[in-house]
Amino acid sequence: MSRRPPGLRGGGTVGDRESRARGFVRGHPGWAASVVSVAVAFVVFVLVWFQPQKALLTQRVSEGVPTVSPAGGARPSSSPATPAPPTATTSLAAGSFRSLEHDTLGRAVVLRLGDGSLFLRFEDFTTLNGPALHVYLSPVASTGDLHAYGAPGYLDLGPLKGNVGDQNYALPKGFDLSKFRSAVVWCQRFAVGFGVAPLNPV
C-alpha cells in the first residue's frame, strides 16, 4: 500500500482533504520547498538538455550558389571593359535527403568552383530544428539507420546553419570525395541522424 506523507492520512470529503493538504504544507514548509525545487530543476534540465522549444522555432537560411570572382586586371583602353564570363561551377555528386529521426527534405550537392575550391550545398532543404545539429559527411551509405552516421570516419563541417533553406559549407583543402558516401544532419546531443542524402557521382 502507498503511504501518505504525515498529516495527509484519513478519508473525508474532497474539501476536507484539501484543507488537510494546505495544513500539511503550512506545517512542513521545508518539505514543500524541496518539492518545488526538484520540480523547477527538472523543468530547467529538460529545457537546457532536450531543448524542446527549438522544435517550435524555424531558422531560415538563403545562401546563393557559391561563386568565384574572376581575376580582373587594369585595362588601359578608354573603351568600356567587357565583363569577364562567370567562372564555371561543376556538380560532382548529389542526392535527395531521406528522413531519419525527423522529416527531412531537400537535396545535397558537392560543387567544385572554377578555382578548385569545393562546397557542400543544401538546396530546398527543410528539417526539424533541434539541439546541437551538425553537418557531417560520412563514409556510411545513405541506407544506414539513424544511429549509423556517428561511426569513425565522418567529417564534421560544423553546426547546421538553419533548419530551412539553401546553405553552403566549405570543404577543406585536400578533401577526397571518394572517401564519403553521404551527407548527414546529425544531432550530437542524442547521437541520431535527422536526415541523410547520398552523394551519387553526377
N, C-alpha and C. Protein backbone atom coordinates (compact mmCIF):
# COMPACT_ATOMS: atom_id res chain seq x y z
N MET A 1 0.85 -1.20 0.00
CA MET A 1 0.00 0.00 0.00
C MET A 1 0.88 1.25 0.00
N SER A 2 0.40 2.28 -0.74
CA SER A 2 1.16 3.53 -0.78
C SER A 2 0.99 4.26 0.54
N ARG A 3 2.02 4.95 0.96
CA ARG A 3 1.99 5.69 2.21
C ARG A 3 1.83 7.17 1.94
N ARG A 4 0.92 7.78 2.63
CA ARG A 4 0.74 9.22 2.51
C ARG A 4 1.73 9.92 3.42
N PRO A 5 2.16 11.12 3.04
CA PRO A 5 3.01 11.89 3.95
C PRO A 5 2.27 12.13 5.24
N PRO A 6 3.00 12.28 6.35
CA PRO A 6 2.35 12.55 7.64
C PRO A 6 1.43 13.74 7.54
N GLY A 7 0.27 13.62 8.13
CA GLY A 7 -0.68 14.73 8.12
C GLY A 7 -1.69 14.64 7.03
N LEU A 8 -1.53 13.67 6.07
CA LEU A 8 -2.46 13.55 4.96
C LEU A 8 -3.26 12.26 5.03
N ARG A 9 -3.15 11.51 6.16
CA ARG A 9 -3.88 10.25 6.27
C ARG A 9 -5.35 10.53 6.57
N GLY A 10 -6.14 9.52 6.23
CA GLY A 10 -7.56 9.62 6.58
C GLY A 10 -8.39 9.90 5.37
N GLY A 11 -9.72 9.71 5.53
CA GLY A 11 -10.64 9.92 4.43
C GLY A 11 -11.25 11.31 4.51
N GLY A 12 -12.57 11.37 4.30
CA GLY A 12 -13.25 12.64 4.34
C GLY A 12 -13.59 13.13 2.96
N THR A 13 -14.25 14.27 2.92
CA THR A 13 -14.64 14.86 1.65
C THR A 13 -13.44 15.46 0.95
N VAL A 14 -13.68 15.85 -0.32
CA VAL A 14 -12.60 16.49 -1.07
C VAL A 14 -12.17 17.76 -0.37
N GLY A 15 -13.12 18.50 0.12
CA GLY A 15 -12.78 19.74 0.83
C GLY A 15 -11.95 19.49 2.06
N ASP A 16 -12.29 18.39 2.80
CA ASP A 16 -11.51 18.05 3.98
C ASP A 16 -10.07 17.70 3.61
N ARG A 17 -9.93 16.91 2.54
CA ARG A 17 -8.58 16.52 2.12
C ARG A 17 -7.77 17.73 1.66
N GLU A 18 -8.41 18.64 0.93
CA GLU A 18 -7.70 19.85 0.50
C GLU A 18 -7.28 20.69 1.69
N SER A 19 -8.18 20.76 2.70
CA SER A 19 -7.85 21.53 3.90
C SER A 19 -6.67 20.92 4.63
N ARG A 20 -6.67 19.57 4.75
CA ARG A 20 -5.55 18.90 5.41
C ARG A 20 -4.25 19.09 4.63
N ALA A 21 -4.37 19.05 3.28
CA ALA A 21 -3.18 19.24 2.45
C ALA A 21 -2.58 20.63 2.66
N ARG A 22 -3.45 21.65 2.69
CA ARG A 22 -2.96 23.01 2.92
C ARG A 22 -2.32 23.13 4.29
N GLY A 23 -2.94 22.46 5.27
CA GLY A 23 -2.36 22.49 6.61
C GLY A 23 -1.02 21.80 6.66
N PHE A 24 -0.90 20.70 5.91
CA PHE A 24 0.37 19.98 5.87
C PHE A 24 1.47 20.85 5.27
N VAL A 25 1.14 21.55 4.17
CA VAL A 25 2.14 22.41 3.53
C VAL A 25 2.58 23.52 4.46
N ARG A 26 1.58 24.12 5.18
CA ARG A 26 1.94 25.19 6.13
C ARG A 26 2.78 24.64 7.28
N GLY A 27 2.49 23.41 7.69
CA GLY A 27 3.22 22.84 8.80
C GLY A 27 4.57 22.25 8.43
N HIS A 28 4.81 22.03 7.14
CA HIS A 28 6.08 21.45 6.68
C HIS A 28 6.64 22.27 5.52
N PRO A 29 7.00 23.53 5.77
CA PRO A 29 7.48 24.39 4.67
C PRO A 29 8.74 23.87 4.00
N GLY A 30 9.60 23.21 4.78
CA GLY A 30 10.83 22.68 4.18
C GLY A 30 10.55 21.59 3.16
N TRP A 31 9.60 20.70 3.48
CA TRP A 31 9.24 19.62 2.56
C TRP A 31 8.64 20.19 1.28
N ALA A 32 7.75 21.16 1.43
CA ALA A 32 7.11 21.77 0.26
C ALA A 32 8.13 22.48 -0.61
N ALA A 33 9.08 23.20 0.02
CA ALA A 33 10.11 23.90 -0.74
C ALA A 33 10.98 22.93 -1.51
N SER A 34 11.27 21.76 -0.91
CA SER A 34 12.09 20.75 -1.60
C SER A 34 11.38 20.23 -2.84
N VAL A 35 10.06 19.98 -2.72
CA VAL A 35 9.30 19.51 -3.88
C VAL A 35 9.33 20.53 -4.99
N VAL A 36 9.13 21.80 -4.65
CA VAL A 36 9.14 22.86 -5.66
C VAL A 36 10.53 22.96 -6.30
N SER A 37 11.58 22.88 -5.51
CA SER A 37 12.94 22.97 -6.04
C SER A 37 13.23 21.85 -7.03
N VAL A 38 12.81 20.62 -6.67
CA VAL A 38 13.02 19.48 -7.57
C VAL A 38 12.26 19.67 -8.87
N ALA A 39 11.02 20.15 -8.77
CA ALA A 39 10.22 20.36 -9.98
C ALA A 39 10.84 21.42 -10.88
N VAL A 40 11.31 22.52 -10.28
CA VAL A 40 11.95 23.58 -11.08
C VAL A 40 13.23 23.07 -11.72
N ALA A 41 14.03 22.31 -10.96
CA ALA A 41 15.28 21.78 -11.50
C ALA A 41 15.01 20.84 -12.68
N PHE A 42 13.95 20.04 -12.56
CA PHE A 42 13.60 19.12 -13.64
C PHE A 42 13.20 19.88 -14.91
N VAL A 43 12.40 20.92 -14.75
CA VAL A 43 11.98 21.72 -15.91
C VAL A 43 13.19 22.39 -16.57
N VAL A 44 14.09 22.94 -15.74
CA VAL A 44 15.29 23.58 -16.29
C VAL A 44 16.15 22.56 -17.04
N PHE A 45 16.30 21.37 -16.47
CA PHE A 45 17.08 20.32 -17.13
C PHE A 45 16.49 19.97 -18.50
N VAL A 46 15.19 19.80 -18.57
CA VAL A 46 14.54 19.46 -19.84
C VAL A 46 14.75 20.57 -20.86
N LEU A 47 14.59 21.82 -20.45
CA LEU A 47 14.72 22.94 -21.39
C LEU A 47 16.16 23.10 -21.88
N VAL A 48 17.14 22.85 -20.99
CA VAL A 48 18.54 23.05 -21.38
C VAL A 48 19.07 21.86 -22.17
N TRP A 49 18.76 20.64 -21.74
CA TRP A 49 19.34 19.46 -22.38
C TRP A 49 18.57 19.04 -23.63
N PHE A 50 17.25 18.89 -23.52
CA PHE A 50 16.45 18.43 -24.64
C PHE A 50 16.06 19.57 -25.58
N GLN A 51 15.99 20.79 -25.06
CA GLN A 51 15.63 21.98 -25.84
C GLN A 51 14.39 21.75 -26.71
N PRO A 52 13.27 21.32 -26.12
CA PRO A 52 12.07 21.09 -26.94
C PRO A 52 11.53 22.35 -27.59
N GLN A 53 11.90 23.51 -27.02
CA GLN A 53 11.42 24.76 -27.59
C GLN A 53 11.95 24.99 -29.00
N LYS A 54 13.09 24.37 -29.33
CA LYS A 54 13.66 24.56 -30.66
C LYS A 54 12.77 23.99 -31.75
N ALA A 55 12.02 22.95 -31.42
CA ALA A 55 11.13 22.34 -32.41
C ALA A 55 10.07 23.32 -32.87
N LEU A 56 9.82 24.36 -32.09
CA LEU A 56 8.81 25.36 -32.45
C LEU A 56 9.41 26.53 -33.21
N LEU A 57 10.74 26.54 -33.36
CA LEU A 57 11.42 27.67 -33.99
C LEU A 57 11.93 27.26 -35.37
N THR A 58 11.79 28.15 -36.33
CA THR A 58 12.30 27.93 -37.68
C THR A 58 13.43 28.92 -37.94
N GLN A 59 14.60 28.40 -38.26
CA GLN A 59 15.76 29.22 -38.57
C GLN A 59 16.03 29.12 -40.07
N ARG A 60 15.69 30.18 -40.78
CA ARG A 60 15.78 30.17 -42.24
C ARG A 60 17.13 30.70 -42.72
N VAL A 61 17.63 30.08 -43.78
CA VAL A 61 18.87 30.49 -44.44
C VAL A 61 18.59 30.60 -45.93
N SER A 62 19.20 31.58 -46.58
CA SER A 62 19.00 31.74 -48.03
C SER A 62 20.32 32.17 -48.66
N GLU A 63 21.21 31.20 -48.85
CA GLU A 63 22.51 31.49 -49.44
C GLU A 63 22.49 31.11 -50.92
N GLY A 64 23.08 31.98 -51.74
CA GLY A 64 23.18 31.69 -53.16
C GLY A 64 24.26 30.66 -53.45
N VAL A 65 24.27 30.19 -54.69
CA VAL A 65 25.31 29.25 -55.11
C VAL A 65 26.66 29.94 -54.99
N PRO A 66 27.65 29.33 -54.35
CA PRO A 66 28.97 29.98 -54.21
C PRO A 66 29.61 30.21 -55.57
N THR A 67 30.30 31.34 -55.69
CA THR A 67 30.95 31.70 -56.95
C THR A 67 32.36 32.20 -56.67
N VAL A 68 33.15 32.28 -57.72
CA VAL A 68 34.50 32.84 -57.64
C VAL A 68 34.53 34.08 -58.51
N SER A 69 34.98 35.19 -57.95
CA SER A 69 35.11 36.40 -58.75
C SER A 69 36.29 36.26 -59.68
N PRO A 70 36.08 36.44 -60.99
CA PRO A 70 37.20 36.32 -61.93
C PRO A 70 38.25 37.37 -61.66
N ALA A 71 39.52 36.99 -61.81
CA ALA A 71 40.61 37.94 -61.58
C ALA A 71 40.53 39.06 -62.61
N GLY A 72 40.56 40.26 -62.12
CA GLY A 72 40.47 41.41 -63.02
C GLY A 72 41.79 42.15 -63.10
N GLY A 73 42.12 42.63 -64.26
CA GLY A 73 43.34 43.40 -64.43
C GLY A 73 43.01 44.79 -64.96
N ALA A 74 43.94 45.69 -64.81
CA ALA A 74 43.72 47.07 -65.30
C ALA A 74 43.67 47.06 -66.82
N ARG A 75 42.74 47.81 -67.37
CA ARG A 75 42.60 47.90 -68.82
C ARG A 75 42.96 49.32 -69.25
N PRO A 76 44.05 49.48 -69.99
CA PRO A 76 44.44 50.84 -70.40
C PRO A 76 43.50 51.44 -71.42
N SER A 77 42.71 50.65 -72.10
CA SER A 77 41.85 51.17 -73.16
C SER A 77 40.79 52.10 -72.57
N SER A 78 40.43 53.13 -73.33
CA SER A 78 39.39 54.06 -72.88
C SER A 78 38.01 53.50 -73.14
N SER A 79 37.92 52.42 -73.90
CA SER A 79 36.62 51.84 -74.19
C SER A 79 36.13 51.08 -72.97
N PRO A 80 34.80 50.96 -72.80
CA PRO A 80 34.27 50.24 -71.64
C PRO A 80 34.77 48.81 -71.60
N ALA A 81 35.09 48.34 -70.41
CA ALA A 81 35.60 46.98 -70.24
C ALA A 81 34.48 45.98 -70.48
N THR A 82 34.81 44.89 -71.14
CA THR A 82 33.84 43.82 -71.36
C THR A 82 33.84 42.90 -70.15
N PRO A 83 32.68 42.68 -69.52
CA PRO A 83 32.65 41.81 -68.34
C PRO A 83 33.17 40.42 -68.66
N ALA A 84 33.97 39.88 -67.76
CA ALA A 84 34.51 38.54 -67.97
C ALA A 84 33.40 37.52 -67.75
N PRO A 85 33.42 36.41 -68.46
CA PRO A 85 32.40 35.37 -68.27
C PRO A 85 32.49 34.79 -66.86
N PRO A 86 31.39 34.36 -66.29
CA PRO A 86 31.43 33.81 -64.94
C PRO A 86 32.29 32.54 -64.89
N THR A 87 32.97 32.37 -63.77
CA THR A 87 33.80 31.19 -63.58
C THR A 87 32.91 29.96 -63.46
N ALA A 88 33.29 28.88 -64.15
CA ALA A 88 32.44 27.69 -64.19
C ALA A 88 32.37 27.01 -62.84
N THR A 89 31.19 26.52 -62.50
CA THR A 89 30.96 25.72 -61.30
C THR A 89 30.43 24.36 -61.73
N THR A 90 31.00 23.30 -61.21
CA THR A 90 30.65 21.95 -61.62
C THR A 90 30.08 21.15 -60.45
N SER A 91 29.02 20.40 -60.72
CA SER A 91 28.47 19.48 -59.71
C SER A 91 29.21 18.16 -59.80
N LEU A 92 29.73 17.69 -58.67
CA LEU A 92 30.48 16.44 -58.64
C LEU A 92 29.64 15.27 -58.12
N ALA A 93 28.75 15.54 -57.19
CA ALA A 93 27.92 14.49 -56.61
C ALA A 93 26.66 15.12 -56.04
N ALA A 94 25.59 14.35 -55.98
CA ALA A 94 24.32 14.89 -55.49
C ALA A 94 23.39 13.77 -55.06
N GLY A 95 22.39 14.12 -54.28
CA GLY A 95 21.37 13.17 -53.88
C GLY A 95 20.29 13.84 -53.05
N SER A 96 19.12 13.24 -52.98
CA SER A 96 17.99 13.78 -52.22
C SER A 96 17.98 13.23 -50.80
N PHE A 97 17.55 14.07 -49.86
CA PHE A 97 17.53 13.67 -48.46
C PHE A 97 16.46 12.61 -48.19
N ARG A 98 16.80 11.72 -47.28
CA ARG A 98 15.88 10.72 -46.74
C ARG A 98 15.72 10.99 -45.25
N SER A 99 14.49 10.94 -44.76
CA SER A 99 14.23 11.22 -43.35
C SER A 99 14.76 10.09 -42.47
N LEU A 100 15.31 10.47 -41.32
CA LEU A 100 15.73 9.51 -40.31
C LEU A 100 14.90 9.74 -39.05
N GLU A 101 15.45 10.46 -38.07
CA GLU A 101 14.69 10.69 -36.83
C GLU A 101 13.52 11.64 -37.05
N HIS A 102 13.69 12.61 -37.97
CA HIS A 102 12.64 13.59 -38.25
C HIS A 102 12.52 13.80 -39.75
N ASP A 103 11.35 14.28 -40.18
CA ASP A 103 11.12 14.53 -41.60
C ASP A 103 12.17 15.51 -42.13
N THR A 104 12.84 15.12 -43.19
CA THR A 104 13.89 15.94 -43.80
C THR A 104 13.75 15.86 -45.31
N LEU A 105 13.74 17.02 -45.95
CA LEU A 105 13.57 17.10 -47.40
C LEU A 105 14.66 17.99 -47.99
N GLY A 106 14.87 17.84 -49.29
CA GLY A 106 15.82 18.69 -49.98
C GLY A 106 16.86 17.89 -50.73
N ARG A 107 17.90 18.58 -51.12
CA ARG A 107 18.94 17.98 -51.96
C ARG A 107 20.30 18.43 -51.48
N ALA A 108 21.26 17.51 -51.47
CA ALA A 108 22.65 17.83 -51.16
C ALA A 108 23.48 17.68 -52.42
N VAL A 109 24.37 18.62 -52.66
CA VAL A 109 25.21 18.56 -53.86
C VAL A 109 26.61 19.05 -53.50
N VAL A 110 27.63 18.37 -54.05
CA VAL A 110 29.02 18.79 -53.89
C VAL A 110 29.41 19.56 -55.14
N LEU A 111 29.87 20.79 -54.94
CA LEU A 111 30.22 21.69 -56.05
C LEU A 111 31.72 21.94 -56.08
N ARG A 112 32.26 22.00 -57.30
CA ARG A 112 33.64 22.44 -57.49
C ARG A 112 33.62 23.75 -58.25
N LEU A 113 34.22 24.77 -57.66
CA LEU A 113 34.25 26.07 -58.31
C LEU A 113 35.43 26.15 -59.28
N GLY A 114 35.43 27.20 -60.07
CA GLY A 114 36.46 27.36 -61.07
C GLY A 114 37.87 27.44 -60.53
N ASP A 115 38.00 27.87 -59.26
CA ASP A 115 39.34 27.95 -58.67
C ASP A 115 39.74 26.66 -57.97
N GLY A 116 38.89 25.63 -58.08
CA GLY A 116 39.20 24.33 -57.47
C GLY A 116 38.64 24.13 -56.07
N SER A 117 38.11 25.18 -55.47
CA SER A 117 37.54 25.03 -54.12
C SER A 117 36.25 24.21 -54.19
N LEU A 118 35.94 23.53 -53.09
CA LEU A 118 34.80 22.62 -53.04
C LEU A 118 33.82 23.05 -51.95
N PHE A 119 32.55 22.84 -52.22
CA PHE A 119 31.49 23.17 -51.27
C PHE A 119 30.46 22.06 -51.25
N LEU A 120 29.88 21.84 -50.06
CA LEU A 120 28.66 21.06 -49.94
C LEU A 120 27.51 22.05 -49.85
N ARG A 121 26.49 21.85 -50.68
CA ARG A 121 25.36 22.76 -50.71
C ARG A 121 24.06 22.01 -50.46
N PHE A 122 23.20 22.56 -49.60
CA PHE A 122 21.85 22.06 -49.41
C PHE A 122 20.89 22.97 -50.16
N GLU A 123 20.01 22.36 -50.94
CA GLU A 123 19.03 23.14 -51.71
C GLU A 123 17.62 22.68 -51.37
N ASP A 124 16.70 23.67 -51.27
CA ASP A 124 15.29 23.37 -50.92
C ASP A 124 15.23 22.50 -49.67
N PHE A 125 16.07 22.83 -48.72
CA PHE A 125 16.26 21.99 -47.54
C PHE A 125 15.28 22.35 -46.43
N THR A 126 14.78 21.34 -45.74
CA THR A 126 13.96 21.56 -44.55
C THR A 126 14.05 20.35 -43.63
N THR A 127 14.16 20.60 -42.33
CA THR A 127 14.11 19.57 -41.31
C THR A 127 13.61 20.20 -40.03
N LEU A 128 13.42 19.40 -39.00
CA LEU A 128 13.01 19.93 -37.70
C LEU A 128 14.22 20.56 -37.02
N ASN A 129 13.99 21.68 -36.35
CA ASN A 129 15.07 22.28 -35.57
C ASN A 129 15.33 21.43 -34.33
N GLY A 130 16.55 21.49 -33.83
CA GLY A 130 16.88 20.67 -32.67
C GLY A 130 18.21 21.09 -32.08
N PRO A 131 18.60 20.46 -30.95
CA PRO A 131 19.84 20.85 -30.27
C PRO A 131 21.08 20.23 -30.91
N ALA A 132 22.14 21.02 -30.97
CA ALA A 132 23.46 20.53 -31.40
C ALA A 132 23.41 19.80 -32.73
N LEU A 133 22.76 20.40 -33.74
CA LEU A 133 22.72 19.80 -35.07
C LEU A 133 23.97 20.20 -35.85
N HIS A 134 24.63 19.20 -36.43
CA HIS A 134 25.83 19.43 -37.24
C HIS A 134 25.66 18.79 -38.61
N VAL A 135 26.48 19.25 -39.54
CA VAL A 135 26.51 18.68 -40.90
C VAL A 135 27.73 17.77 -41.00
N TYR A 136 27.48 16.50 -41.30
CA TYR A 136 28.54 15.52 -41.45
C TYR A 136 28.59 15.03 -42.89
N LEU A 137 29.79 14.71 -43.34
CA LEU A 137 29.97 13.83 -44.48
C LEU A 137 30.42 12.48 -43.92
N SER A 138 29.80 11.42 -44.39
CA SER A 138 30.02 10.10 -43.79
C SER A 138 30.43 9.07 -44.83
N PRO A 139 31.29 8.13 -44.43
CA PRO A 139 31.62 7.02 -45.33
C PRO A 139 30.52 5.97 -45.38
N VAL A 140 29.49 6.11 -44.53
CA VAL A 140 28.39 5.16 -44.48
C VAL A 140 27.37 5.49 -45.57
N ALA A 141 26.85 4.48 -46.24
CA ALA A 141 25.87 4.69 -47.30
C ALA A 141 24.59 5.29 -46.72
N SER A 142 23.82 5.94 -47.57
CA SER A 142 22.60 6.61 -47.13
C SER A 142 21.50 5.64 -46.74
N THR A 143 21.74 4.35 -46.88
CA THR A 143 20.75 3.34 -46.50
C THR A 143 20.88 2.92 -45.03
N GLY A 144 21.85 3.51 -44.30
CA GLY A 144 22.04 3.15 -42.90
C GLY A 144 20.91 3.63 -42.02
N ASP A 145 20.89 3.13 -40.77
CA ASP A 145 19.84 3.56 -39.85
C ASP A 145 20.24 4.88 -39.18
N LEU A 146 19.35 5.40 -38.33
CA LEU A 146 19.54 6.74 -37.80
C LEU A 146 20.73 6.86 -36.85
N HIS A 147 21.27 5.74 -36.34
CA HIS A 147 22.43 5.79 -35.44
C HIS A 147 23.75 5.50 -36.16
N ALA A 148 23.71 5.20 -37.45
CA ALA A 148 24.90 4.68 -38.13
C ALA A 148 25.96 5.74 -38.42
N TYR A 149 25.58 7.02 -38.44
CA TYR A 149 26.46 8.02 -39.03
C TYR A 149 27.40 8.71 -38.04
N GLY A 150 27.39 8.24 -36.79
CA GLY A 150 28.37 8.73 -35.83
C GLY A 150 29.60 7.84 -35.76
N ALA A 151 29.67 6.84 -36.63
CA ALA A 151 30.82 5.93 -36.65
C ALA A 151 32.08 6.68 -37.08
N PRO A 152 33.26 6.21 -36.65
CA PRO A 152 34.51 6.87 -37.03
C PRO A 152 34.64 7.00 -38.55
N GLY A 153 35.26 8.11 -38.96
CA GLY A 153 35.48 8.34 -40.37
C GLY A 153 34.67 9.49 -40.94
N TYR A 154 33.75 10.05 -40.16
CA TYR A 154 32.94 11.17 -40.66
C TYR A 154 33.76 12.46 -40.66
N LEU A 155 33.31 13.42 -41.44
CA LEU A 155 33.90 14.76 -41.48
C LEU A 155 32.86 15.75 -41.00
N ASP A 156 33.14 16.45 -39.92
CA ASP A 156 32.22 17.43 -39.33
C ASP A 156 32.46 18.78 -39.99
N LEU A 157 31.44 19.28 -40.70
CA LEU A 157 31.55 20.57 -41.38
C LEU A 157 31.04 21.72 -40.53
N GLY A 158 30.65 21.43 -39.29
CA GLY A 158 30.22 22.50 -38.39
C GLY A 158 28.73 22.48 -38.14
N PRO A 159 28.25 23.41 -37.32
CA PRO A 159 26.82 23.46 -36.99
C PRO A 159 25.95 23.72 -38.21
N LEU A 160 24.77 23.12 -38.21
CA LEU A 160 23.78 23.39 -39.25
C LEU A 160 23.41 24.87 -39.19
N LYS A 161 23.46 25.55 -40.33
CA LYS A 161 23.20 26.99 -40.34
C LYS A 161 21.73 27.32 -40.12
N GLY A 162 20.85 26.48 -40.61
CA GLY A 162 19.42 26.70 -40.45
C GLY A 162 18.67 25.44 -40.79
N ASN A 163 17.48 25.29 -40.21
CA ASN A 163 16.72 24.07 -40.50
C ASN A 163 15.84 24.21 -41.73
N VAL A 164 15.85 25.40 -42.35
CA VAL A 164 15.11 25.63 -43.59
C VAL A 164 15.95 26.50 -44.51
N GLY A 165 16.04 26.11 -45.79
CA GLY A 165 16.65 26.99 -46.78
C GLY A 165 17.95 26.50 -47.37
N ASP A 166 18.41 27.21 -48.42
CA ASP A 166 19.63 26.89 -49.13
C ASP A 166 20.85 27.35 -48.32
N GLN A 167 21.89 26.51 -48.28
CA GLN A 167 23.06 26.84 -47.46
C GLN A 167 24.29 26.11 -47.98
N ASN A 168 25.46 26.73 -47.75
CA ASN A 168 26.73 26.21 -48.27
C ASN A 168 27.71 25.93 -47.14
N TYR A 169 28.52 24.87 -47.32
CA TYR A 169 29.54 24.50 -46.35
C TYR A 169 30.85 24.26 -47.11
N ALA A 170 31.87 25.05 -46.79
CA ALA A 170 33.16 24.91 -47.46
C ALA A 170 33.82 23.60 -47.06
N LEU A 171 34.40 22.91 -48.03
CA LEU A 171 35.12 21.67 -47.78
C LEU A 171 36.62 21.98 -47.67
N PRO A 172 37.33 21.27 -46.82
CA PRO A 172 38.73 21.61 -46.58
C PRO A 172 39.63 21.29 -47.78
N LYS A 173 40.77 21.94 -47.81
CA LYS A 173 41.75 21.65 -48.85
C LYS A 173 42.21 20.20 -48.73
N GLY A 174 42.41 19.57 -49.87
CA GLY A 174 42.81 18.17 -49.88
C GLY A 174 41.65 17.21 -49.67
N PHE A 175 40.43 17.72 -49.70
CA PHE A 175 39.25 16.88 -49.50
C PHE A 175 39.17 15.81 -50.59
N ASP A 176 38.91 14.56 -50.17
CA ASP A 176 38.82 13.44 -51.10
C ASP A 176 37.38 12.93 -51.09
N LEU A 177 36.63 13.28 -52.11
CA LEU A 177 35.22 12.91 -52.19
C LEU A 177 35.01 11.40 -52.21
N SER A 178 35.97 10.67 -52.74
CA SER A 178 35.81 9.22 -52.86
C SER A 178 35.69 8.52 -51.51
N LYS A 179 36.06 9.19 -50.43
CA LYS A 179 36.00 8.58 -49.09
C LYS A 179 34.63 8.72 -48.44
N PHE A 180 33.72 9.45 -49.06
CA PHE A 180 32.44 9.74 -48.42
C PHE A 180 31.27 9.35 -49.33
N ARG A 181 30.22 8.83 -48.69
CA ARG A 181 29.08 8.33 -49.46
C ARG A 181 27.78 9.04 -49.13
N SER A 182 27.78 9.87 -48.11
CA SER A 182 26.52 10.52 -47.74
C SER A 182 26.77 11.82 -47.00
N ALA A 183 25.76 12.70 -47.06
CA ALA A 183 25.72 13.93 -46.27
C ALA A 183 24.63 13.76 -45.22
N VAL A 184 24.93 14.15 -43.99
CA VAL A 184 24.04 13.84 -42.87
C VAL A 184 23.82 15.08 -42.01
N VAL A 185 22.57 15.27 -41.57
CA VAL A 185 22.29 16.22 -40.49
C VAL A 185 22.26 15.40 -39.21
N TRP A 186 23.25 15.64 -38.34
CA TRP A 186 23.49 14.79 -37.18
C TRP A 186 23.26 15.56 -35.88
N CYS A 187 22.50 14.97 -34.98
CA CYS A 187 22.28 15.55 -33.65
C CYS A 187 23.33 15.00 -32.70
N GLN A 188 24.30 15.83 -32.34
CA GLN A 188 25.36 15.37 -31.45
C GLN A 188 24.85 15.12 -30.04
N ARG A 189 23.81 15.83 -29.64
CA ARG A 189 23.30 15.68 -28.28
C ARG A 189 22.77 14.27 -28.03
N PHE A 190 22.04 13.71 -29.01
CA PHE A 190 21.42 12.41 -28.82
C PHE A 190 21.94 11.34 -29.77
N ALA A 191 23.00 11.67 -30.53
CA ALA A 191 23.66 10.70 -31.41
C ALA A 191 22.68 10.03 -32.36
N VAL A 192 21.89 10.85 -33.05
CA VAL A 192 20.97 10.34 -34.07
C VAL A 192 21.03 11.26 -35.30
N GLY A 193 20.77 10.68 -36.46
CA GLY A 193 20.67 11.46 -37.67
C GLY A 193 19.25 11.96 -37.87
N PHE A 194 19.12 13.21 -38.27
CA PHE A 194 17.80 13.75 -38.62
C PHE A 194 17.45 13.42 -40.07
N GLY A 195 18.46 13.44 -40.94
CA GLY A 195 18.24 13.14 -42.36
C GLY A 195 19.56 12.85 -43.03
N VAL A 196 19.51 12.10 -44.15
CA VAL A 196 20.72 11.72 -44.86
C VAL A 196 20.47 11.77 -46.36
N ALA A 197 21.48 12.17 -47.12
CA ALA A 197 21.40 12.22 -48.57
C ALA A 197 22.59 11.49 -49.18
N PRO A 198 22.37 10.66 -50.21
CA PRO A 198 23.51 10.00 -50.86
C PRO A 198 24.32 10.99 -51.67
N LEU A 199 25.60 10.72 -51.81
CA LEU A 199 26.47 11.53 -52.67
C LEU A 199 26.80 10.70 -53.91
N ASN A 200 25.84 10.68 -54.84
CA ASN A 200 25.99 9.91 -56.07
C ASN A 200 26.75 10.75 -57.10
N PRO A 201 27.76 10.16 -57.75
CA PRO A 201 28.51 10.91 -58.77
C PRO A 201 27.55 11.44 -59.85
N VAL A 202 27.83 12.66 -60.27
CA VAL A 202 26.99 13.30 -61.30
C VAL A 202 27.65 13.08 -62.66
